[in-house]
Every structure is written in structure tokens, then in C-alpha cells.
């Protein structure tokens, strides 16, 4: 399994969360098997989301999806994103 971490600031957590939840069908279509959202202690407008995929190719498809990018841009992302792709080593 491969996990994608994305961290960025948003204008308003509640608005972002609602929009993020509404995008679940797109994430599912792009191969996200599991996702989670975290907020920074003391500032819920700094968020980290994780997405788990079966393959690197699916990660690349999500990261280059114009449909998803356009939708995310409307969610109030205001700070540069940090992205990391990792795999668990057991």
C-alpha cells in the first residue's frame, strides 16, 4: 500500500471539510482505498489529509487529475501544499 500525505492551509475548516466530503465519489473513482483528515492542534485551518492506494500509478493519477484539482481549488486552500508519498516498511 502507498500513502499520500497532503498538508495545506484553508480559509475555513468547516467549509473545506464539507467540500472534501462531497468529493468522495471522485476520490473513490481515482482509487483511494482509505482516507483520513487531521487538523493542527490550535489551528484547525491547517489540515493534513492522507489517501491510501494500491499502486503508485493510482497516486500519480490523483495528483494529475484536472477534475479533482479544479474541485479542490474551490475549497478555499490558501497556503502552499506539502505532499509526500510513502510506503510502509514492515
Protein backbone atom coordinates (compact mmCIF):
# COMPACT_ATOMS: atom_id res chain seq x y z
CA UNK A 1 0.00 0.00 0.00
CA UNK A 2 1.09 3.53 -0.74
CA UNK A 3 0.01 6.55 1.30
CA UNK A 4 -0.14 10.12 0.06
CA UNK A 5 0.12 12.90 2.66
CA UNK A 6 -1.08 16.38 1.70
CA UNK A 7 -0.84 19.34 4.07
CA UNK A 8 -2.14 22.84 3.45
CA UNK A 9 -3.90 25.79 5.00
CA UNK A 10 -7.53 26.56 4.27
CA UNK A 11 -9.75 29.61 4.74
CA UNK A 12 -12.34 27.81 6.83
CA UNK A 13 -12.12 24.24 8.10
CA UNK A 14 -15.87 23.61 8.19
CA UNK A 15 -16.34 24.70 4.58
CA UNK A 16 -13.30 22.72 3.46
CA UNK A 17 -14.49 19.58 5.30
CA UNK A 18 -17.94 19.71 3.73
CA UNK A 19 -16.46 20.14 0.27
CA UNK A 20 -13.90 17.41 0.89
CA UNK A 21 -16.64 15.02 1.94
CA UNK A 22 -18.62 15.90 -1.18
CA UNK A 23 -15.61 14.88 -3.32
CA UNK A 24 -15.62 11.29 -2.04
CA UNK A 25 -17.06 9.88 -5.31
CA UNK A 26 -14.15 11.43 -7.24
CA UNK A 27 -11.59 10.08 -4.76
CA UNK A 28 -13.19 6.64 -4.99
CA UNK A 29 -13.09 6.76 -8.80
CA UNK A 30 -9.38 7.64 -8.62
CA UNK A 31 -8.59 4.59 -6.50
CA UNK A 32 -8.44 5.93 -2.94
CA UNK A 33 -8.91 2.93 -0.67
CA UNK A 34 -8.81 4.82 2.63
CA UNK A 35 -8.56 8.46 3.61
CA UNK A 36 -8.30 10.48 6.80
CA UNK A 37 -8.20 14.15 7.73
CA UNK A 38 -6.24 15.72 10.59
CA UNK A 39 -6.09 19.27 11.90
CA UNK A 40 -3.26 21.04 13.65
CA UNK A 41 -3.74 21.39 17.39
CA UNK A 42 -4.59 25.04 18.00
CA UNK A 43 -5.33 25.86 14.34
CA UNK A 44 -7.93 23.72 12.61
CA UNK A 45 -7.36 25.64 9.36
CA UNK A 46 -4.02 23.82 8.92
CA UNK A 47 -5.01 20.39 7.71
CA UNK A 48 -3.34 17.17 6.69
CA UNK A 49 -5.15 14.55 4.63
CA UNK A 50 -3.96 11.04 3.88
CA UNK A 51 -5.03 8.83 0.99
CA UNK A 52 -4.09 5.16 0.70
CA UNK A 53 -3.73 3.50 -2.71
CA UNK A 54 -2.82 0.09 -4.07
CA UNK A 55 -0.24 1.41 -6.58
CA UNK A 56 1.97 4.40 -7.36
CA UNK A 57 0.18 4.75 -10.70
CA UNK A 58 -3.08 5.50 -8.86
CA UNK A 59 -1.31 8.13 -6.74
CA UNK A 60 0.00 9.76 -9.92
CA UNK A 61 -3.49 9.69 -11.45
CA UNK A 62 -4.93 11.51 -8.44
CA UNK A 63 -2.14 14.09 -8.37
CA UNK A 64 -2.65 14.90 -12.06
CA UNK A 65 -6.46 14.78 -12.08
CA UNK A 66 -7.73 18.07 -13.52
CA UNK A 67 -11.22 17.25 -12.24
CA UNK A 68 -10.04 16.87 -8.67
CA UNK A 69 -7.67 19.85 -8.84
CA UNK A 70 -10.44 22.16 -10.06
CA UNK A 71 -12.75 21.00 -7.28
CA UNK A 72 -10.08 21.36 -4.57
CA UNK A 73 -9.25 24.88 -5.74
CA UNK A 74 -12.83 25.86 -4.91
CA UNK A 75 -12.50 24.62 -1.31
CA UNK A 76 -10.54 27.60 0.00
CA UNK A 77 -6.98 26.29 0.03
CA UNK A 78 -4.81 29.32 0.84
CA UNK A 79 -1.36 28.01 1.73
CA UNK A 80 1.15 26.10 -0.33
CA UNK A 81 0.74 22.37 -0.09
CA UNK A 82 3.27 19.88 1.14
CA UNK A 83 2.97 16.46 -0.45
CA UNK A 84 4.75 13.23 0.43
CA UNK A 85 4.25 9.74 -0.97
CA UNK A 86 5.34 6.95 1.35
CA UNK A 87 5.12 3.20 1.65
CA UNK A 88 5.12 1.20 4.86
CA UNK A 89 8.18 -0.93 5.54
CA UNK A 90 7.42 -3.83 7.83
